[in-house]
Amino acid sequence: MDFEGASFLYTLAGLMITVAGFATLLLTLRPAAGARVSLLDRYLAKTVMTYIFVLTAGALLPAVLALYGIQERWMWRDSGVLFALPMLTLQTTYPYRRRKAVGEAPPPPIYAVLVLLGSAATFTMLCCILAGLQHSGAFYITALTIDFFTVVFGYMIALDIIMQQPLDVSEQPAPQQRRVAGRERVSAPEMPTNLNQ
């Protein structure tokens, strides 16, 4: 089960789980200040946790495949595909999912680092591994490390955003802007159908 980069991946997995523990602090910061947990708080915490668990799975995947005696070349190729597909999906759909969940697009730094840099690193790794270039393990571990640090960057920005929210922030997502006959129109948030809620 010993393969090139194994100890680095184990260390990275441990570091990722530690960051996941700190990500749970997102849900405790605002209530500690006397505010309710907002939709944005919950969305950002859930997103960071999801990314971290996909990254941790990616860090442990080569070791799992090595247990089955898979050749190192195929181990990296299989790991690259199995990691890249869910990670690229998370990275490229982040702006849409955030807009849908909280009613606003991600800030430009998040878009540039988490979406563009992260997906570029993941996609480049996948292409290099599938092309059969030498040092597949290095491509895999480098992409995993870059993706991890883009998530840490996103976490730091999320902390800043959460701490700047007013204490009485609404649970409702921001109203969506719609274009109606050439002019902007703000739609009201949906009302519950059951008035006893």
Protein backbone atom coordinates (compact mmCIF):
# COMPACT_ATOMS: atom_id res chain seq x y z
CA MET A 1 0.00 0.00 0.00
CA ASP A 2 3.02 2.25 0.07
CA PHE A 3 3.04 4.50 -2.98
CA GLU A 4 4.67 7.78 -3.90
CA GLY A 5 2.97 10.66 -2.08
CA ALA A 6 1.07 8.48 0.41
CA SER A 7 2.33 10.24 3.54
CA PHE A 8 1.57 13.66 2.02
CA LEU A 9 -2.00 12.57 1.22
CA TYR A 10 -2.54 11.25 4.76
CA THR A 11 -1.26 14.52 6.22
CA LEU A 12 -3.45 16.51 3.85
CA ALA A 13 -6.52 14.42 4.80
CA GLY A 14 -5.87 15.12 8.49
CA LEU A 15 -5.49 18.83 7.80
CA MET A 16 -8.73 18.83 5.81
CA ILE A 17 -10.68 17.24 8.67
CA THR A 18 -9.26 19.87 11.03
CA VAL A 19 -10.49 22.63 8.71
CA ALA A 20 -13.90 20.92 8.58
CA GLY A 21 -14.05 21.26 12.37
CA PHE A 22 -13.30 24.96 12.12
CA ALA A 23 -15.94 25.32 9.39
CA THR A 24 -18.58 24.33 11.93
CA LEU A 25 -17.66 27.53 13.74
CA LEU A 26 -19.48 29.34 10.94
CA LEU A 27 -22.73 28.20 12.50
CA THR A 28 -21.78 29.33 15.99
CA LEU A 29 -20.28 32.78 15.37
CA ARG A 30 -23.47 34.75 14.80
CA PRO A 31 -25.56 33.08 17.53
CA ALA A 32 -22.70 33.78 19.93
CA ALA A 33 -23.09 37.47 19.03
CA GLY A 34 -26.84 37.28 19.72
CA ALA A 35 -28.05 36.96 16.12
CA ARG A 36 -30.08 34.31 14.36
CA VAL A 37 -28.37 31.97 11.91
CA SER A 38 -29.15 33.28 8.42
CA LEU A 39 -29.65 31.42 5.15
CA LEU A 40 -26.24 32.65 4.05
CA ASP A 41 -24.61 31.32 7.25
CA ARG A 42 -26.11 27.89 6.73
CA TYR A 43 -25.37 27.83 3.00
CA LEU A 44 -21.71 28.81 3.44
CA ALA A 45 -21.16 26.30 6.25
CA LYS A 46 -22.80 23.50 4.25
CA THR A 47 -20.79 24.40 1.15
CA VAL A 48 -17.45 24.45 2.98
CA MET A 49 -18.23 21.12 4.65
CA THR A 50 -19.24 19.52 1.33
CA TYR A 51 -16.06 20.68 -0.39
CA ILE A 52 -13.89 19.51 2.51
CA PHE A 53 -15.43 16.05 2.54
CA VAL A 54 -15.01 15.66 -1.24
CA LEU A 55 -11.39 16.77 -0.87
CA THR A 56 -10.81 14.37 2.02
CA ALA A 57 -12.27 11.52 -0.02
CA GLY A 58 -9.93 12.53 -2.83
CA ALA A 59 -6.96 12.42 -0.46
CA LEU A 60 -7.85 8.93 0.78
CA LEU A 61 -8.96 7.44 -2.54
CA PRO A 62 -5.48 6.46 -3.85
CA ALA A 63 -4.78 4.55 -0.62
CA VAL A 64 -8.09 2.68 -0.92
CA LEU A 65 -7.34 1.73 -4.53
CA ALA A 66 -3.80 0.68 -3.56
CA LEU A 67 -5.31 -1.81 -1.07
CA TYR A 68 -6.76 -3.66 -4.06
CA GLY A 69 -3.34 -4.02 -5.65
CA ILE A 70 -4.13 -1.69 -8.55
CA GLN A 71 -1.01 -0.60 -10.44
CA GLU A 72 0.13 2.89 -9.51
CA ARG A 73 -0.48 4.24 -13.01
CA TRP A 74 -4.12 3.07 -12.96
CA MET A 75 -4.53 4.07 -9.33
CA TRP A 76 -3.81 7.71 -10.18
CA ARG A 77 -5.96 7.61 -13.31
CA ASP A 78 -8.94 6.09 -11.48
CA SER A 79 -8.48 8.45 -8.51
CA GLY A 80 -8.23 11.44 -10.85
CA VAL A 81 -11.50 10.63 -12.59
CA LEU A 82 -13.38 9.68 -9.40
CA PHE A 83 -12.22 12.86 -7.66
CA ALA A 84 -12.45 15.31 -10.58
CA LEU A 85 -16.04 14.60 -11.61
CA PRO A 86 -17.73 15.55 -8.31
CA MET A 87 -15.21 18.32 -7.61
CA LEU A 88 -15.65 19.96 -11.01
CA THR A 89 -19.41 19.72 -10.59
CA LEU A 90 -19.21 21.50 -7.22
CA GLN A 91 -16.80 24.13 -8.54
CA THR A 92 -18.61 25.01 -11.76
CA THR A 93 -22.12 25.03 -10.27
CA TYR A 94 -21.23 27.08 -7.18
CA PRO A 95 -22.42 30.45 -8.55
CA TYR A 96 -25.77 28.97 -9.60
CA ARG A 97 -26.29 27.11 -6.32
CA ARG A 98 -25.42 30.18 -4.26
CA ARG A 99 -27.74 32.42 -6.28
CA LYS A 100 -30.53 29.89 -5.88
CA ALA A 101 -29.98 29.43 -2.14
CA VAL A 102 -29.42 33.00 -0.95
CA GLY A 103 -30.49 35.18 -3.87
CA GLU A 104 -27.11 36.72 -4.67
CA ALA A 105 -24.03 35.84 -6.70
CA PRO A 106 -20.70 35.08 -5.03
CA PRO A 107 -18.28 37.98 -4.51
CA PRO A 108 -15.70 38.39 -7.33
CA PRO A 109 -12.76 37.07 -5.24
CA ILE A 110 -14.69 33.86 -4.51
CA TYR A 111 -15.59 33.48 -8.17
CA ALA A 112 -11.99 34.05 -9.26
CA VAL A 113 -10.35 31.73 -6.73
CA LEU A 114 -12.88 29.05 -5.80
CA VAL A 115 -14.57 28.70 -9.18
CA LEU A 116 -11.99 29.68 -11.82
CA LEU A 117 -8.68 28.72 -10.19
CA GLY A 118 -10.09 25.63 -8.49
CA SER A 119 -11.81 24.25 -11.58
CA ALA A 120 -8.77 25.08 -13.75
CA ALA A 121 -6.51 23.10 -11.40
CA THR A 122 -8.90 20.15 -11.28
CA PHE A 123 -9.50 20.13 -15.03
CA THR A 124 -5.77 20.43 -15.83
CA MET A 125 -5.01 17.52 -13.49
CA LEU A 126 -7.67 15.38 -15.13
CA CYS A 127 -6.36 16.15 -18.63
CA CYS A 128 -2.74 15.43 -17.66
CA ILE A 129 -3.61 12.14 -16.00
CA LEU A 130 -5.89 10.96 -18.82
CA ALA A 131 -3.22 11.92 -21.35
CA GLY A 132 -0.86 9.53 -19.54
CA LEU A 133 1.79 12.15 -18.78
CA GLN A 134 4.58 11.24 -16.42
CA HIS A 135 4.22 12.09 -12.73
CA SER A 136 0.46 11.46 -12.53
CA GLY A 137 0.71 11.36 -8.75
CA ALA A 138 2.27 14.81 -8.69
CA PHE A 139 -0.51 16.23 -10.89
CA TYR A 140 -3.14 14.65 -8.66
CA ILE A 141 -1.64 15.80 -5.38
CA THR A 142 -0.95 19.31 -6.71
CA ALA A 143 -4.56 19.75 -7.87
CA LEU A 144 -5.87 18.39 -4.57
CA THR A 145 -3.65 20.82 -2.65
CA ILE A 146 -4.65 23.81 -4.81
CA ASP A 147 -8.33 22.90 -4.43
CA PHE A 148 -7.88 22.62 -0.68
CA PHE A 149 -6.34 26.08 -0.42
CA THR A 150 -9.04 27.60 -2.64
CA VAL A 151 -11.61 26.23 -0.18
CA VAL A 152 -9.63 27.64 2.77
CA PHE A 153 -9.59 30.99 0.98
CA GLY A 154 -13.36 30.71 0.47
CA TYR A 155 -13.78 29.89 4.15
CA MET A 156 -11.85 33.02 5.15
CA ILE A 157 -13.98 35.18 2.84
CA ALA A 158 -17.13 33.51 4.22
CA LEU A 159 -16.09 34.40 7.78
CA ASP A 160 -15.61 38.00 6.71
CA ILE A 161 -19.02 38.12 4.99
CA ILE A 162 -20.79 36.56 7.96
CA MET A 163 -19.20 38.95 10.42
CA GLN A 164 -20.28 41.95 8.30
CA GLN A 165 -23.96 40.93 8.25
CA PRO A 166 -26.32 42.91 10.48
CA LEU A 167 -27.46 41.06 13.60
CA ASP A 168 -31.11 41.07 12.50
CA VAL A 169 -30.58 39.60 9.02
CA SER A 170 -33.66 37.99 7.52
CA GLU A 171 -34.17 34.27 7.01
CA GLN A 172 -35.64 35.00 3.55
CA PRO A 173 -33.38 35.04 0.49
CA ALA A 174 -32.83 38.39 -1.20
CA PRO A 175 -35.47 39.23 -3.82
CA GLN A 176 -34.58 38.18 -7.35
CA GLN A 177 -34.20 40.82 -10.06
CA ARG A 178 -36.30 40.12 -13.16
CA ARG A 179 -36.46 41.96 -16.44
CA VAL A 180 -40.03 42.75 -17.43
CA ALA A 181 -40.68 44.56 -20.72
CA GLY A 182 -37.24 46.23 -20.71
CA ARG A 183 -37.24 47.38 -17.08
CA GLU A 184 -36.03 45.90 -13.79
CA ARG A 185 -38.64 44.50 -11.44
CA VAL A 186 -38.06 43.08 -7.97
CA SER A 187 -40.18 40.05 -7.15
CA ALA A 188 -41.43 39.54 -3.64
CA PRO A 189 -40.25 36.49 -1.70
CA GLU A 190 -42.60 33.52 -1.79
CA MET A 191 -45.15 33.40 1.01
CA PRO A 192 -45.96 30.15 2.82
CA THR A 193 -49.16 28.51 1.62
CA ASN A 194 -50.13 27.38 5.10
CA LEU A 195 -50.84 30.47 7.21
CA ASN A 196 -50.61 28.47 10.46
CA GLN A 197 -46.83 28.14 10.11
